[in-house]
Amino acid sequence: MYQTLTLTRDNKVATVTLNRPEMRNAFNETTIAEITQVFKELSDDSSIRAVVLAASGPAFCAGADLNWMKKMADY
């Protein structure tokens, strides 16, 4: 369903995990779109009472993906 995230639900708790460990979970256009989508989806689910934001790999998030930023500079 998602390319850069995983979503799990356990009872009333959803866990959204950034899943680009090879890039230290840096944000690119796909990650931004997917985070927006997943949180809209979760906000519409009245059974979810809490959301945990987690990350795979050794870093939570390195910020913006530099390759994506370079690409956007030429946009």
C-alpha atoms as a PDB file:
ATOM      1  CA  MET A   1       0.000   0.000   0.000  1.00  0.00           C
ATOM      2  CA  TYR A   2       2.766   2.465   0.935  1.00  0.00           C
ATOM      3  CA  GLN A   3       6.279   2.662  -0.530  1.00  0.00           C
ATOM      4  CA  THR A   4       8.017   4.583   2.253  1.00  0.00           C
ATOM      5  CA  LEU A   5       5.851   3.827   5.309  1.00  0.00           C
ATOM      6  CA  THR A   6       4.314   0.934   7.108  1.00  0.00           C
ATOM      7  CA  LEU A   7       1.031   1.169   8.977  1.00  0.00           C
ATOM      8  CA  THR A   8      -0.028  -1.274  11.659  1.00  0.00           C
ATOM      9  CA  ARG A   9      -3.088  -1.207  13.865  1.00  0.00           C
ATOM     10  CA  ASP A  10      -3.289  -2.891  17.234  1.00  0.00           C
ATOM     11  CA  ASN A  11      -6.585  -2.387  18.950  1.00  0.00           C
ATOM     12  CA  LYS A  12      -7.023   1.382  19.197  1.00  0.00           C
ATOM     13  CA  VAL A  13      -3.371   2.241  18.467  1.00  0.00           C
ATOM     14  CA  ALA A  14      -1.964   2.832  14.987  1.00  0.00           C
ATOM     15  CA  THR A  15       1.780   2.808  14.361  1.00  0.00           C
ATOM     16  CA  VAL A  16       3.129   4.676  11.355  1.00  0.00           C
ATOM     17  CA  THR A  17       6.734   3.708  10.656  1.00  0.00           C
ATOM     18  CA  LEU A  18       9.040   5.628   8.357  1.00  0.00           C
ATOM     19  CA  ASN A  19      10.597   2.897   6.250  1.00  0.00           C
ATOM     20  CA  ARG A  20      13.521   4.238   4.239  1.00  0.00           C
ATOM     21  CA  PRO A  21      16.385   3.104   6.464  1.00  0.00           C
ATOM     22  CA  GLU A  22      18.879   3.146   3.578  1.00  0.00           C
ATOM     23  CA  MET A  23      18.234   6.908   3.305  1.00  0.00           C
ATOM     24  CA  ARG A  24      18.017   7.437   7.070  1.00  0.00           C
ATOM     25  CA  ASN A  25      14.263   7.948   6.571  1.00  0.00           C
ATOM     26  CA  ALA A  26      14.837  11.273   4.831  1.00  0.00           C
ATOM     27  CA  PHE A  27      11.733  12.864   3.335  1.00  0.00           C
ATOM     28  CA  ASN A  28      11.127  12.981  -0.401  1.00  0.00           C
ATOM     29  CA  GLU A  29       7.967  13.725  -2.386  1.00  0.00           C
ATOM     30  CA  THR A  30       6.676  10.171  -1.914  1.00  0.00           C
ATOM     31  CA  THR A  31       7.196  10.211   1.840  1.00  0.00           C
ATOM     32  CA  ILE A  32       5.474  13.588   2.172  1.00  0.00           C
ATOM     33  CA  ALA A  33       2.477  12.428   0.118  1.00  0.00           C
ATOM     34  CA  GLU A  34       2.213   9.146   2.016  1.00  0.00           C
ATOM     35  CA  ILE A  35       2.430  10.782   5.452  1.00  0.00           C
ATOM     36  CA  THR A  36      -0.302  13.199   4.421  1.00  0.00           C
ATOM     37  CA  GLN A  37      -2.435  10.312   3.160  1.00  0.00           C
ATOM     38  CA  VAL A  38      -1.928   8.033   6.165  1.00  0.00           C
ATOM     39  CA  PHE A  39      -2.761  10.727   8.701  1.00  0.00           C
ATOM     40  CA  LYS A  40      -5.899  11.710   6.773  1.00  0.00           C
ATOM     41  CA  GLU A  41      -6.896   8.043   6.737  1.00  0.00           C
ATOM     42  CA  LEU A  42      -6.257   7.680  10.462  1.00  0.00           C
ATOM     43  CA  SER A  43      -8.136  10.872  11.321  1.00  0.00           C
ATOM     44  CA  ASP A  44     -11.210   9.423   9.605  1.00  0.00           C
ATOM     45  CA  ASP A  45     -11.002   6.210  11.664  1.00  0.00           C
ATOM     46  CA  SER A  46     -12.911   6.800  14.897  1.00  0.00           C
ATOM     47  CA  SER A  47     -11.650   3.511  16.354  1.00  0.00           C
ATOM     48  CA  ILE A  48      -8.066   4.829  16.531  1.00  0.00           C
ATOM     49  CA  ARG A  49      -7.346   6.611  19.819  1.00  0.00           C
ATOM     50  CA  ALA A  50      -3.541   7.034  19.537  1.00  0.00           C
ATOM     51  CA  VAL A  51      -0.914   7.162  16.809  1.00  0.00           C
ATOM     52  CA  VAL A  52       2.737   6.253  17.296  1.00  0.00           C
ATOM     53  CA  LEU A  53       5.220   7.654  14.799  1.00  0.00           C
ATOM     54  CA  ALA A  54       8.288   5.413  14.569  1.00  0.00           C
ATOM     55  CA  ALA A  55      11.165   4.755  12.191  1.00  0.00           C
ATOM     56  CA  SER A  56      13.073   1.758  10.932  1.00  0.00           C
ATOM     57  CA  GLY A  57      16.852   1.647  10.916  1.00  0.00           C
ATOM     58  CA  PRO A  58      19.474   3.502  12.945  1.00  0.00           C
ATOM     59  CA  ALA A  59      18.086   7.038  12.493  1.00  0.00           C
ATOM     60  CA  PHE A  60      14.618   8.431  13.088  1.00  0.00           C
ATOM     61  CA  CYS A  61      14.757  10.943  10.231  1.00  0.00           C
ATOM     62  CA  ALA A  62      17.613  12.768   8.524  1.00  0.00           C
ATOM     63  CA  GLY A  63      15.316  15.567   7.335  1.00  0.00           C
ATOM     64  CA  ALA A  64      14.921  16.190   3.628  1.00  0.00           C
ATOM     65  CA  ASP A  65      16.436  13.819   1.083  1.00  0.00           C
ATOM     66  CA  LEU A  66      19.280  15.809  -0.518  1.00  0.00           C
ATOM     67  CA  ASN A  67      18.794  14.110  -3.897  1.00  0.00           C
ATOM     68  CA  TRP A  68      15.162  15.192  -3.883  1.00  0.00           C
ATOM     69  CA  MET A  69      16.136  18.732  -2.841  1.00  0.00           C
ATOM     70  CA  LYS A  70      18.613  18.947  -5.735  1.00  0.00           C
ATOM     71  CA  LYS A  71      15.922  17.767  -8.128  1.00  0.00           C
ATOM     72  CA  MET A  72      13.475  20.348  -6.778  1.00  0.00           C
ATOM     73  CA  ALA A  73      16.044  23.137  -7.139  1.00  0.00           C
ATOM     74  CA  ASP A  74      16.051  22.479 -10.905  1.00  0.00           C
ATOM     75  CA  TYR A  75      12.257  22.216 -11.079  1.00  0.00           C
END
